PDB file of all heavy atoms in Angstrom:
ATOM      1  N   ALA A   1      59.740-159.399-106.261  1.00  0.00           N
ATOM      2  CA  ALA A   1      60.417-158.834-107.426  1.00  0.00           C
ATOM      3  C   ALA A   1      61.255-159.932-108.097  1.00  0.00           C
ATOM      4  O   ALA A   1      62.476-159.967-107.933  1.00  0.00           O
ATOM      5  CB  ALA A   1      61.302-157.630-107.031  1.00  0.00           C
ATOM      6  N   PRO A   2      60.620-160.810-108.847  1.00  0.00           N
ATOM      7  CA  PRO A   2      61.297-162.009-109.313  1.00  0.00           C
ATOM      8  C   PRO A   2      62.464-161.783-110.310  1.00  0.00           C
ATOM      9  O   PRO A   2      63.265-162.678-110.456  1.00  0.00           O
ATOM     10  CB  PRO A   2      60.161-162.798-110.001  1.00  0.00           C
ATOM     11  CG  PRO A   2      59.101-161.780-110.329  1.00  0.00           C
ATOM     12  CD  PRO A   2      59.197-160.763-109.213  1.00  0.00           C
ATOM     13  N   TYR A   3      62.543-160.588-110.882  1.00  0.00           N
ATOM     14  CA  TYR A   3      63.615-160.369-111.862  1.00  0.00           C
ATOM     15  C   TYR A   3      64.759-159.477-111.328  1.00  0.00           C
ATOM     16  O   TYR A   3      65.633-159.085-112.081  1.00  0.00           O
ATOM     17  CB  TYR A   3      62.979-159.768-113.103  1.00  0.00           C
ATOM     18  CG  TYR A   3      61.939-160.699-113.730  1.00  0.00           C
ATOM     19  CD1 TYR A   3      60.590-160.327-113.640  1.00  0.00           C
ATOM     20  CD2 TYR A   3      62.288-161.881-114.301  1.00  0.00           C
ATOM     21  CE1 TYR A   3      59.606-161.149-114.144  1.00  0.00           C
ATOM     22  CE2 TYR A   3      61.332-162.759-114.779  1.00  0.00           C
ATOM     23  CZ  TYR A   3      59.998-162.400-114.723  1.00  0.00           C
ATOM     24  OH  TYR A   3      59.031-163.259-115.199  1.00  0.00           O
ATOM     25  N   ILE A   4      64.714-159.165-110.067  1.00  0.00           N
ATOM     26  CA  ILE A   4      65.791-158.374-109.494  1.00  0.00           C
ATOM     27  C   ILE A   4      67.081-159.207-109.376  1.00  0.00           C
ATOM     28  O   ILE A   4      66.993-160.408-109.161  1.00  0.00           O
ATOM     29  CB  ILE A   4      65.400-157.863-108.078  1.00  0.00           C
ATOM     30  CG1 ILE A   4      66.388-156.813-107.593  1.00  0.00           C
ATOM     31  CG2 ILE A   4      65.267-159.018-107.089  1.00  0.00           C
ATOM     32  CD1 ILE A   4      65.922-156.116-106.309  1.00  0.00           C
ATOM     33  N   GLN A   5      68.229-158.586-109.613  1.00  0.00           N
ATOM     34  CA  GLN A   5      69.455-159.272-109.443  1.00  0.00           C
ATOM     35  C   GLN A   5      69.928-159.055-107.993  1.00  0.00           C
ATOM     36  O   GLN A   5      69.994-157.916-107.562  1.00  0.00           O
ATOM     37  CB  GLN A   5      70.528-158.699-110.378  1.00  0.00           C
ATOM     38  CG  GLN A   5      70.218-158.897-111.863  1.00  0.00           C
ATOM     39  CD  GLN A   5      71.302-158.303-112.708  1.00  0.00           C
ATOM     40  OE1 GLN A   5      72.525-158.508-112.523  1.00  0.00           O
ATOM     41  NE2 GLN A   5      70.911-157.492-113.688  1.00  0.00           N
ATOM     42  N   ILE A   6      70.296-160.118-107.329  1.00  0.00           N
ATOM     43  CA  ILE A   6      70.703-160.044-105.927  1.00  0.00           C
ATOM     44  C   ILE A   6      72.091-160.694-105.748  1.00  0.00           C
ATOM     45  O   ILE A   6      72.248-161.844-106.188  1.00  0.00           O
ATOM     46  CB  ILE A   6      69.674-160.713-105.010  1.00  0.00           C
ATOM     47  CG1 ILE A   6      68.336-159.977-105.042  1.00  0.00           C
ATOM     48  CG2 ILE A   6      70.206-160.703-103.549  1.00  0.00           C
ATOM     49  CD1 ILE A   6      67.246-160.616-104.218  1.00  0.00           C
ATOM     50  N   VAL A   7      72.998-159.962-105.157  1.00  0.00           N
ATOM     51  CA  VAL A   7      74.314-160.516-104.806  1.00  0.00           C
ATOM     52  C   VAL A   7      74.420-160.497-103.308  1.00  0.00           C
ATOM     53  O   VAL A   7      74.185-159.463-102.679  1.00  0.00           O
ATOM     54  CB  VAL A   7      75.480-159.699-105.459  1.00  0.00           C
ATOM     55  CG1 VAL A   7      76.787-160.249-105.013  1.00  0.00           C
ATOM     56  CG2 VAL A   7      75.340-159.671-106.961  1.00  0.00           C
ATOM     57  N   THR A   8      74.729-161.641-102.710  1.00  0.00           N
ATOM     58  CA  THR A   8      74.778-161.695-101.241  1.00  0.00           C
ATOM     59  C   THR A   8      76.217-161.952-100.784  1.00  0.00           C
ATOM     60  O   THR A   8      76.991-162.649-101.407  1.00  0.00           O
ATOM     61  CB  THR A   8      73.894-162.843-100.697  1.00  0.00           C
ATOM     62  OG1 THR A   8      74.324-164.069-101.227  1.00  0.00           O
ATOM     63  CG2 THR A   8      72.438-162.600-101.051  1.00  0.00           C
ATOM     64  N   HIS A   9      76.552-161.290 -99.645  1.00  0.00           N
ATOM     65  CA  HIS A   9      77.832-161.506 -98.992  1.00  0.00           C
ATOM     66  C   HIS A   9      77.557-161.754 -97.528  1.00  0.00           C
ATOM     67  O   HIS A   9      77.179-160.838 -96.776  1.00  0.00           O
ATOM     68  CB  HIS A   9      78.694-160.254 -99.138  1.00  0.00           C
ATOM     69  CG  HIS A   9      79.078-159.957-100.570  1.00  0.00           C
ATOM     70  ND1 HIS A   9      80.033-160.684-101.267  1.00  0.00           N
ATOM     71  CD2 HIS A   9      78.636-158.989-101.429  1.00  0.00           C
ATOM     72  CE1 HIS A   9      80.167-160.189-102.512  1.00  0.00           C
ATOM     73  NE2 HIS A   9      79.332-159.173-102.604  1.00  0.00           N
ATOM     74  N   THR A  10      77.719-162.995 -97.104  1.00  0.00           N
ATOM     75  CA  THR A  10      77.459-163.326 -95.698  1.00  0.00           C
ATOM     76  C   THR A  10      78.756-163.193 -94.907  1.00  0.00           C
ATOM     77  O   THR A  10      79.421-164.172 -94.562  1.00  0.00           O
ATOM     78  CB  THR A  10      76.918-164.774 -95.611  1.00  0.00           C
ATOM     79  OG1 THR A  10      75.800-164.921 -96.503  1.00  0.00           O
ATOM     80  CG2 THR A  10      76.442-165.084 -94.191  1.00  0.00           C
ATOM     81  N   VAL A  11      79.113-161.943 -94.685  1.00  0.00           N
ATOM     82  CA  VAL A  11      80.362-161.591 -93.996  1.00  0.00           C
ATOM     83  C   VAL A  11      80.107-160.337 -93.144  1.00  0.00           C
ATOM     84  O   VAL A  11      79.152-159.589 -93.378  1.00  0.00           O
ATOM     85  CB  VAL A  11      81.531-161.302 -94.981  1.00  0.00           C
ATOM     86  CG1 VAL A  11      81.876-162.554 -95.768  1.00  0.00           C
ATOM     87  CG2 VAL A  11      81.199-160.146 -95.887  1.00  0.00           C
ATOM     88  N   ARG A  12      80.987-160.119 -92.182  1.00  0.00           N
ATOM     89  CA  ARG A  12      80.960-158.892 -91.430  1.00  0.00           C
ATOM     90  C   ARG A  12      81.788-157.853 -92.217  1.00  0.00           C
ATOM     91  O   ARG A  12      82.922-158.118 -92.628  1.00  0.00           O
ATOM     92  CB  ARG A  12      81.575-159.084 -90.044  1.00  0.00           C
ATOM     93  CG  ARG A  12      81.573-157.802 -89.203  1.00  0.00           C
ATOM     94  CD  ARG A  12      82.331-158.022 -87.897  1.00  0.00           C
ATOM     95  NE  ARG A  12      81.618-158.918 -87.004  1.00  0.00           N
ATOM     96  CZ  ARG A  12      80.677-158.534 -86.146  1.00  0.00           C
ATOM     97  NH1 ARG A  12      80.326-157.266 -86.070  1.00  0.00           N
ATOM     98  NH2 ARG A  12      80.098-159.450 -85.384  1.00  0.00           N
ATOM     99  N   ILE A  13      81.251-156.690 -92.409  1.00  0.00           N
ATOM    100  CA  ILE A  13      81.971-155.614 -93.114  1.00  0.00           C
ATOM    101  C   ILE A  13      82.971-155.015 -92.139  1.00  0.00           C
ATOM    102  O   ILE A  13      82.672-154.623 -91.013  1.00  0.00           O
ATOM    103  CB  ILE A  13      81.023-154.508 -93.590  1.00  0.00           C
ATOM    104  CG1 ILE A  13      80.019-155.090 -94.603  1.00  0.00           C
ATOM    105  CG2 ILE A  13      81.830-153.352 -94.237  1.00  0.00           C
ATOM    106  CD1 ILE A  13      79.033-154.095 -95.145  1.00  0.00           C
ATOM    107  N   THR A  14      84.208-154.949 -92.605  1.00  0.00           N
ATOM    108  CA  THR A  14      85.296-154.374 -91.781  1.00  0.00           C
ATOM    109  C   THR A  14      86.065-153.348 -92.613  1.00  0.00           C
ATOM    110  O   THR A  14      85.822-153.166 -93.794  1.00  0.00           O
ATOM    111  CB  THR A  14      86.268-155.479 -91.351  1.00  0.00           C
ATOM    112  OG1 THR A  14      87.018-155.907 -92.503  1.00  0.00           O
ATOM    113  CG2 THR A  14      85.530-156.649 -90.719  1.00  0.00           C
ATOM    114  N   GLU A  15      86.961-152.687 -91.926  1.00  0.00           N
ATOM    115  CA  GLU A  15      87.833-151.691 -92.587  1.00  0.00           C
ATOM    116  C   GLU A  15      88.724-152.337 -93.665  1.00  0.00           C
ATOM    117  O   GLU A  15      89.286-151.688 -94.502  1.00  0.00           O
ATOM    118  CB  GLU A  15      88.685-150.964 -91.581  1.00  0.00           C
ATOM    119  CG  GLU A  15      89.617-151.869 -90.789  1.00  0.00           C
ATOM    120  CD  GLU A  15      90.384-151.123 -89.718  1.00  0.00           C
ATOM    121  OE1 GLU A  15      91.014-150.061 -90.050  1.00  0.00           O
ATOM    122  OE2 GLU A  15      90.347-151.544 -88.522  1.00  0.00           O
ATOM    123  N   TYR A  16      88.844-153.682 -93.612  1.00  0.00           N
ATOM    124  CA  TYR A  16      89.738-154.374 -94.503  1.00  0.00           C
ATOM    125  C   TYR A  16      89.038-154.933 -95.735  1.00  0.00           C
ATOM    126  O   TYR A  16      89.699-155.209 -96.735  1.00  0.00           O
ATOM    127  CB  TYR A  16      90.416-155.562 -93.792  1.00  0.00           C
ATOM    128  CG  TYR A  16      91.161-155.129 -92.521  1.00  0.00           C
ATOM    129  CD1 TYR A  16      90.656-155.437 -91.276  1.00  0.00           C
ATOM    130  CD2 TYR A  16      92.327-154.370 -92.625  1.00  0.00           C
ATOM    131  CE1 TYR A  16      91.323-155.025 -90.130  1.00  0.00           C
ATOM    132  CE2 TYR A  16      92.988-153.980 -91.471  1.00  0.00           C
ATOM    133  CZ  TYR A  16      92.470-154.307 -90.216  1.00  0.00           C
ATOM    134  OH  TYR A  16      93.142-153.874 -89.115  1.00  0.00           O
ATOM    135  N   ASN A  17      87.735-155.070 -95.720  1.00  0.00           N
ATOM    136  CA  ASN A  17      87.013-155.643 -96.859  1.00  0.00           C
ATOM    137  C   ASN A  17      85.968-154.775 -97.489  1.00  0.00           C
ATOM    138  O   ASN A  17      85.390-155.134 -98.517  1.00  0.00           O
ATOM    139  CB  ASN A  17      86.390-157.001 -96.469  1.00  0.00           C
ATOM    140  CG  ASN A  17      85.288-156.895 -95.454  1.00  0.00           C
ATOM    141  OD1 ASN A  17      84.809-155.796 -95.124  1.00  0.00           O
ATOM    142  ND2 ASN A  17      84.861-158.027 -94.884  1.00  0.00           N
ATOM    143  N   PHE A  18      85.669-153.601 -96.925  1.00  0.00           N
ATOM    144  CA  PHE A  18      84.530-152.825 -97.410  1.00  0.00           C
ATOM    145  C   PHE A  18      84.753-152.297 -98.831  1.00  0.00           C
ATOM    146  O   PHE A  18      83.777-152.247 -99.623  1.00  0.00           O
ATOM    147  CB  PHE A  18      84.187-151.652 -96.466  1.00  0.00           C
ATOM    148  CG  PHE A  18      85.089-150.469 -96.559  1.00  0.00           C
ATOM    149  CD1 PHE A  18      84.826-149.462 -97.462  1.00  0.00           C
ATOM    150  CD2 PHE A  18      86.230-150.385 -95.753  1.00  0.00           C
ATOM    151  CE1 PHE A  18      85.674-148.337 -97.521  1.00  0.00           C
ATOM    152  CE2 PHE A  18      87.063-149.306 -95.855  1.00  0.00           C
ATOM    153  CZ  PHE A  18      86.802-148.266 -96.728  1.00  0.00           C
ATOM    154  N   VAL A  19      85.976-151.997 -99.202  1.00  0.00           N
ATOM    155  CA  VAL A  19      86.228-151.482-100.560  1.00  0.00           C
ATOM    156  C   VAL A  19      85.891-152.554-101.584  1.00  0.00           C
ATOM    157  O   VAL A  19      85.198-152.309-102.593  1.00  0.00           O
ATOM    158  CB  VAL A  19      87.677-151.039-100.702  1.00  0.00           C
ATOM    159  CG1 VAL A  19      88.000-150.721-102.177  1.00  0.00           C
ATOM    160  CG2 VAL A  19      87.935-149.815 -99.838  1.00  0.00           C
ATOM    161  N   GLU A  20      86.375-153.764-101.365  1.00  0.00           N
ATOM    162  CA  GLU A  20      86.099-154.839-102.296  1.00  0.00           C
ATOM    163  C   GLU A  20      84.589-155.178-102.368  1.00  0.00           C
ATOM    164  O   GLU A  20      84.048-155.438-103.449  1.00  0.00           O
ATOM    165  CB  GLU A  20      86.884-156.116-101.850  1.00  0.00           C
ATOM    166  CG  GLU A  20      86.665-157.299-102.777  1.00  0.00           C
ATOM    167  CD  GLU A  20      87.428-158.541-102.331  1.00  0.00           C
ATOM    168  OE1 GLU A  20      88.127-158.480-101.293  1.00  0.00           O
ATOM    169  OE2 GLU A  20      87.320-159.580-103.019  1.00  0.00           O
ATOM    170  N   LEU A  21      83.930-155.156-101.214  1.00  0.00           N
ATOM    171  CA  LEU A  21      82.495-155.491-101.177  1.00  0.00           C
ATOM    172  C   LEU A  21      81.651-154.432-101.861  1.00  0.00           C
ATOM    173  O   LEU A  21      80.611-154.782-102.462  1.00  0.00           O
ATOM    174  CB  LEU A  21      82.054-155.651 -99.740  1.00  0.00           C
ATOM    175  CG  LEU A  21      82.582-156.868 -98.970  1.00  0.00           C
ATOM    176  CD1 LEU A  21      82.254-156.741 -97.499  1.00  0.00           C
ATOM    177  CD2 LEU A  21      82.033-158.181 -99.569  1.00  0.00           C
ATOM    178  N   LEU A  22      82.033-153.169-101.788  1.00  0.00           N
ATOM    179  CA  LEU A  22      81.147-152.065-102.208  1.00  0.00           C
ATOM    180  C   LEU A  22      81.573-151.393-103.517  1.00  0.00           C
ATOM    181  O   LEU A  22      80.873-150.450-103.945  1.00  0.00           O
ATOM    182  CB  LEU A  22      81.108-151.027-101.068  1.00  0.00           C
ATOM    183  CG  LEU A  22      80.603-151.558 -99.729  1.00  0.00           C
ATOM    184  CD1 LEU A  22      80.695-150.449 -98.652  1.00  0.00           C
ATOM    185  CD2 LEU A  22      79.182-152.075 -99.816  1.00  0.00           C
ATOM    186  N   GLN A  23      82.634-151.821-104.096  1.00  0.00           N
ATOM    187  CA  GLN A  23      83.164-151.098-105.236  1.00  0.00           C
ATOM    188  C   GLN A  23      82.239-151.065-106.441  1.00  0.00           C
ATOM    189  O   GLN A  23      82.304-150.172-107.273  1.00  0.00           O
ATOM    190  CB  GLN A  23      84.543-151.651-105.624  1.00  0.00           C
ATOM    191  CG  GLN A  23      84.556-153.114-106.033  1.00  0.00           C
ATOM    192  CD  GLN A  23      85.913-153.663-106.293  1.00  0.00           C
ATOM    193  OE1 GLN A  23      86.900-152.904-106.284  1.00  0.00           O
ATOM    194  NE2 GLN A  23      86.053-154.988-106.460  1.00  0.00           N
ATOM    195  N   ASP A  24      81.348-152.036-106.548  1.00  0.00           N
ATOM    196  CA  ASP A  24      80.418-152.075-107.704  1.00  0.00           C
ATOM    197  C   ASP A  24      79.134-151.289-107.473  1.00  0.00           C
ATOM    198  O   ASP A  24      78.313-151.171-108.395  1.00  0.00           O
ATOM    199  CB  ASP A  24      80.066-153.536-108.025  1.00  0.00           C
ATOM    200  CG  ASP A  24      81.266-154.298-108.573  1.00  0.00           C
ATOM    201  OD1 ASP A  24      82.194-153.661-109.132  1.00  0.00           O
ATOM    202  OD2 ASP A  24      81.276-155.518-108.448  1.00  0.00           O
ATOM    203  N   ALA A  25      78.924-150.783-106.296  1.00  0.00           N
ATOM    204  CA  ALA A  25      77.669-150.070-105.955  1.00  0.00           C
ATOM    205  C   ALA A  25      77.683-148.624-106.449  1.00  0.00           C
ATOM    206  O   ALA A  25      78.734-147.962-106.430  1.00  0.00           O
ATOM    207  CB  ALA A  25      77.429-150.093-104.460  1.00  0.00           C
ATOM    208  N   ASP A  26      76.533-148.162-106.889  1.00  0.00           N
ATOM    209  CA  ASP A  26      76.370-146.761-107.181  1.00  0.00           C
ATOM    210  C   ASP A  26      76.036-145.982-105.945  1.00  0.00           C
ATOM    211  O   ASP A  26      76.500-144.852-105.721  1.00  0.00           O
ATOM    212  CB  ASP A  26      75.221-146.575-108.229  1.00  0.00           C
ATOM    213  CG  ASP A  26      75.467-147.331-109.509  1.00  0.00           C
ATOM    214  OD1 ASP A  26      76.552-147.139-110.121  1.00  0.00           O
ATOM    215  OD2 ASP A  26      74.601-148.125-109.880  1.00  0.00           O
ATOM    216  N   ILE A  27      75.220-146.561-105.072  1.00  0.00           N
ATOM    217  CA  ILE A  27      74.789-145.951-103.844  1.00  0.00           C
ATOM    218  C   ILE A  27      74.931-146.969-102.708  1.00  0.00           C
ATOM    219  O   ILE A  27      74.602-148.162-102.900  1.00  0.00           O
ATOM    220  CB  ILE A  27      73.337-145.480-103.950  1.00  0.00           C
ATOM    221  CG1 ILE A  27      73.181-144.460-105.114  1.00  0.00           C
ATOM    222  CG2 ILE A  27      72.863-144.821-102.634  1.00  0.00           C
ATOM    223  CD1 ILE A  27      71.740-144.065-105.401  1.00  0.00           C
ATOM    224  N   ILE A  28      75.383-146.519-101.568  1.00  0.00           N
ATOM    225  CA  ILE A  28      75.609-147.377-100.408  1.00  0.00           C
ATOM    226  C   ILE A  28      74.711-146.931 -99.270  1.00  0.00           C
ATOM    227  O   ILE A  28      74.684-145.779 -98.876  1.00  0.00           O
ATOM    228  CB  ILE A  28      77.058-147.342 -99.942  1.00  0.00           C
ATOM    229  CG1 ILE A  28      78.009-147.796-101.068  1.00  0.00           C
ATOM    230  CG2 ILE A  28      77.272-148.153 -98.678  1.00  0.00           C
ATOM    231  CD1 ILE A  28      79.458-147.408-100.840  1.00  0.00           C
ATOM    232  N   CYS A  29      73.911-147.893 -98.747  1.00  0.00           N
ATOM    233  CA  CYS A  29      73.045-147.611 -97.596  1.00  0.00           C
ATOM    234  C   CYS A  29      73.672-148.255 -96.356  1.00  0.00           C
ATOM    235  O   CYS A  29      73.881-149.461 -96.299  1.00  0.00           O
ATOM    236  CB  CYS A  29      71.642-148.190 -97.793  1.00  0.00           C
ATOM    237  SG  CYS A  29      70.706-147.371 -99.090  1.00  0.00           S
ATOM    238  N   GLU A  30      73.975-147.433 -95.361  1.00  0.00           N
ATOM    239  CA  GLU A  30      74.468-147.918 -94.054  1.00  0.00           C
ATOM    240  C   GLU A  30      73.275-148.206 -93.192  1.00  0.00           C
ATOM    241  O   GLU A  30      72.431-147.334 -92.952  1.00  0.00           O
ATOM    242  CB  GLU A  30      75.347-146.834 -93.436  1.00  0.00           C
ATOM    243  CG  GLU A  30      75.865-147.196 -92.061  1.00  0.00           C
ATOM    244  CD  GLU A  30      74.859-146.847 -90.957  1.00  0.00           C
ATOM    245  OE1 GLU A  30      74.432-145.677 -90.884  1.00  0.00           O
ATOM    246  OE2 GLU A  30      74.527-147.754 -90.173  1.00  0.00           O
ATOM    247  N   ALA A  31      73.177-149.443 -92.711  1.00  0.00           N
ATOM    248  CA  ALA A  31      71.995-149.877 -91.948  1.00  0.00           C
ATOM    249  C   ALA A  31      72.425-150.715 -90.753  1.00  0.00           C
ATOM    250  O   ALA A  31      71.800-151.714 -90.421  1.00  0.00           O
ATOM    251  CB  ALA A  31      71.019-150.636 -92.851  1.00  0.00           C
ATOM    252  N   PHE A  32      73.524-150.306 -90.064  1.00  0.00           N
ATOM    253  CA  PHE A  32      73.985-151.015 -88.905  1.00  0.00           C
ATOM    254  C   PHE A  32      73.295-150.578 -87.619  1.00  0.00           C
ATOM    255  O   PHE A  32      72.784-149.475 -87.514  1.00  0.00           O
ATOM    256  CB  PHE A  32      75.484-150.783 -88.738  1.00  0.00           C
ATOM    257  CG  PHE A  32      76.359-151.355 -89.866  1.00  0.00           C
ATOM    258  CD1 PHE A  32      77.394-150.609 -90.384  1.00  0.00           C
ATOM    259  CD2 PHE A  32      76.130-152.633 -90.303  1.00  0.00           C
ATOM    260  CE1 PHE A  32      78.199-151.148 -91.368  1.00  0.00           C
ATOM    261  CE2 PHE A  32      76.929-153.166 -91.303  1.00  0.00           C
ATOM    262  CZ  PHE A  32      77.958-152.411 -91.847  1.00  0.00           C
ATOM    263  N   ASP A  33      73.321-151.458 -86.591  1.00  0.00           N
ATOM    264  CA  ASP A  33      72.888-151.108 -85.268  1.00  0.00           C
ATOM    265  C   ASP A  33      74.019-150.518 -84.441  1.00  0.00           C
ATOM    266  O   ASP A  33      73.763-149.692 -83.530  1.00  0.00           O
ATOM    267  CB  ASP A  33      72.298-152.337 -84.563  1.00  0.00           C
ATOM    268  CG  ASP A  33      71.056-152.865 -85.201  1.00  0.00           C
ATOM    269  OD1 ASP A  33      70.298-152.059 -85.785  1.00  0.00           O
ATOM    270  OD2 ASP A  33      70.825-154.091 -85.180  1.00  0.00           O
ATOM    271  N   ASP A  34      75.194-150.971 -84.691  1.00  0.00           N
ATOM    272  CA  ASP A  34      76.363-150.631 -83.854  1.00  0.00           C
ATOM    273  C   ASP A  34      77.000-149.302 -84.291  1.00  0.00           C
ATOM    274  O   ASP A  34      77.320-149.095 -85.450  1.00  0.00           O
ATOM    275  CB  ASP A  34      77.406-151.761 -83.951  1.00  0.00           C
ATOM    276  CG  ASP A  34      78.600-151.519 -83.083  1.00  0.00           C
ATOM    277  OD1 ASP A  34      78.482-151.712 -81.850  1.00  0.00           O
ATOM    278  OD2 ASP A  34      79.657-151.117 -83.636  1.00  0.00           O
ATOM    279  N   ALA A  35      77.237-148.425 -83.300  1.00  0.00           N
ATOM    280  CA  ALA A  35      77.748-147.078 -83.597  1.00  0.00           C
ATOM    281  C   ALA A  35      79.149-147.144 -84.182  1.00  0.00           C
ATOM    282  O   ALA A  35      79.483-146.344 -85.075  1.00  0.00           O
ATOM    283  CB  ALA A  35      77.735-146.214 -82.323  1.00  0.00           C
ATOM    284  N   GLU A  36      79.999-148.075 -83.688  1.00  0.00           N
ATOM    285  CA  GLU A  36      81.355-148.164 -84.174  1.00  0.00           C
ATOM    286  C   GLU A  36      81.372-148.599 -85.658  1.00  0.00           C
ATOM    287  O   GLU A  36      82.169-148.107 -86.449  1.00  0.00           O
ATOM    288  CB  GLU A  36      82.165-149.116 -83.320  1.00  0.00           C
ATOM    289  CG  GLU A  36      82.475-148.586 -81.952  1.00  0.00           C
ATOM    290  CD  GLU A  36      83.427-149.486 -81.140  1.00  0.00           C
ATOM    291  OE1 GLU A  36      83.943-150.466 -81.748  1.00  0.00           O
ATOM    292  OE2 GLU A  36      83.678-149.213 -79.966  1.00  0.00           O
ATOM    293  N   GLN A  37      80.483-149.535 -86.002  1.00  0.00           N
ATOM    294  CA  GLN A  37      80.419-149.997 -87.397  1.00  0.00           C
ATOM    295  C   GLN A  37      79.900-148.877 -88.298  1.00  0.00           C
ATOM    296  O   GLN A  37      80.390-148.684 -89.412  1.00  0.00           O
ATOM    297  CB  GLN A  37      79.496-151.213 -87.518  1.00  0.00           C
ATOM    298  CG  GLN A  37      80.186-152.549 -87.311  1.00  0.00           C
ATOM    299  CD  GLN A  37      79.360-153.684 -87.795  1.00  0.00           C
ATOM    300  OE1 GLN A  37      78.249-153.911 -87.311  1.00  0.00           O
ATOM    301  NE2 GLN A  37      79.899-154.452 -88.751  1.00  0.00           N
ATOM    302  N   LYS A  38      78.952-148.101 -87.793  1.00  0.00           N
ATOM    303  CA  LYS A  38      78.462-146.984 -88.568  1.00  0.00           C
ATOM    304  C   LYS A  38      79.569-145.995 -88.902  1.00  0.00           C
ATOM    305  O   LYS A  38      79.742-145.552 -90.024  1.00  0.00           O
ATOM    306  CB  LYS A  38      77.364-146.235 -87.793  1.00  0.00           C
ATOM    307  CG  LYS A  38      76.004-146.959 -87.720  1.00  0.00           C
ATOM    308  CD  LYS A  38      75.041-146.177 -86.826  1.00  0.00           C
ATOM    309  CE  LYS A  38      73.640-146.749 -86.780  1.00  0.00           C
ATOM    310  NZ  LYS A  38      72.948-146.539 -88.050  1.00  0.00           N
ATOM    311  N   SER A  39      80.348-145.679 -87.850  1.00  0.00           N
ATOM    312  CA  SER A  39      81.442-144.727 -88.016  1.00  0.00           C
ATOM    313  C   SER A  39      82.500-145.270 -88.940  1.00  0.00           C
ATOM    314  O   SER A  39      83.027-144.555 -89.819  1.00  0.00           O
ATOM    315  CB  SER A  39      82.032-144.417 -86.648  1.00  0.00           C
ATOM    316  OG  SER A  39      83.134-143.529 -86.752  1.00  0.00           O
ATOM    317  N   MET A  40      82.862-146.540 -88.786  1.00  0.00           N
ATOM    318  CA  MET A  40      83.840-147.154 -89.609  1.00  0.00           C
ATOM    319  C   MET A  40      83.466-147.101 -91.081  1.00  0.00           C
ATOM    320  O   MET A  40      84.285-146.716 -91.946  1.00  0.00           O
ATOM    321  CB  MET A  40      84.047-148.632 -89.194  1.00  0.00           C
ATOM    322  CG  MET A  40      85.033-149.435 -90.037  1.00  0.00           C
ATOM    323  SD  MET A  40      84.339-150.129 -91.587  1.00  0.00           S
ATOM    324  CE  MET A  40      83.115-151.254 -90.892  1.00  0.00           C
ATOM    325  N   LEU A  41      82.228-147.438 -91.378  1.00  0.00           N
ATOM    326  CA  LEU A  41      81.771-147.478 -92.784  1.00  0.00           C
ATOM    327  C   LEU A  41      81.705-146.073 -93.352  1.00  0.00           C
ATOM    328  O   LEU A  41      82.194-145.842 -94.476  1.00  0.00           O
ATOM    329  CB  LEU A  41      80.420-148.146 -92.902  1.00  0.00           C
ATOM    330  CG  LEU A  41      79.949-148.351 -94.315  1.00  0.00           C
ATOM    331  CD1 LEU A  41      80.857-149.311 -95.072  1.00  0.00           C
ATOM    332  CD2 LEU A  41      78.498-148.824 -94.366  1.00  0.00           C
ATOM    333  N   ALA A  42      81.138-145.128 -92.616  1.00  0.00           N
ATOM    334  CA  ALA A  42      81.019-143.774 -93.111  1.00  0.00           C
ATOM    335  C   ALA A  42      82.418-143.160 -93.396  1.00  0.00           C
ATOM    336  O   ALA A  42      82.653-142.588 -94.466  1.00  0.00           O
ATOM    337  CB  ALA A  42      80.263-142.896 -92.099  1.00  0.00           C
ATOM    338  N   ASN A  43      83.324-143.287 -92.452  1.00  0.00           N
ATOM    339  CA  ASN A  43      84.645-142.734 -92.618  1.00  0.00           C
ATOM    340  C   ASN A  43      85.353-143.416 -93.808  1.00  0.00           C
ATOM    341  O   ASN A  43      86.030-142.762 -94.573  1.00  0.00           O
ATOM    342  CB  ASN A  43      85.462-142.898 -91.361  1.00  0.00           C
ATOM    343  CG  ASN A  43      84.968-141.987 -90.255  1.00  0.00           C
ATOM    344  OD1 ASN A  43      84.362-140.971 -90.479  1.00  0.00           O
ATOM    345  ND2 ASN A  43      85.240-142.396 -88.992  1.00  0.00           N
ATOM    346  N   GLY A  44      85.203-144.744 -93.883  1.00  0.00           N
ATOM    347  CA  GLY A  44      85.870-145.490 -94.989  1.00  0.00           C
ATOM    348  C   GLY A  44      85.358-145.113 -96.333  1.00  0.00           C
ATOM    349  O   GLY A  44      86.145-144.910 -97.256  1.00  0.00           O
ATOM    350  N   VAL A  45      84.035-145.037 -96.474  1.00  0.00           N
ATOM    351  CA  VAL A  45      83.473-144.709 -97.758  1.00  0.00           C
ATOM    352  C   VAL A  45      83.828-143.279 -98.169  1.00  0.00           C
ATOM    353  O   VAL A  45      84.202-143.010 -99.323  1.00  0.00           O
ATOM    354  CB  VAL A  45      81.909-144.854 -97.725  1.00  0.00           C
ATOM    355  CG1 VAL A  45      81.272-144.296 -98.996  1.00  0.00           C
ATOM    356  CG2 VAL A  45      81.527-146.304 -97.584  1.00  0.00           C
TER     357      VAL A  45
END
C-alpha cells in the first residue's frame, strides 16, 4: 500500500504515555500478548 500514511512509535505503551500516543486515533486495536498490558490499555482507554 504505497500511499498509506504510517506513523511509528518504537516505545513500550504504559499508563503514562498511552494518551499522548493514541489521542489522534479514531479506532484503537489492542494486540498485546501480555495480560497485564491488555488490562492496562483497556482500562486506560
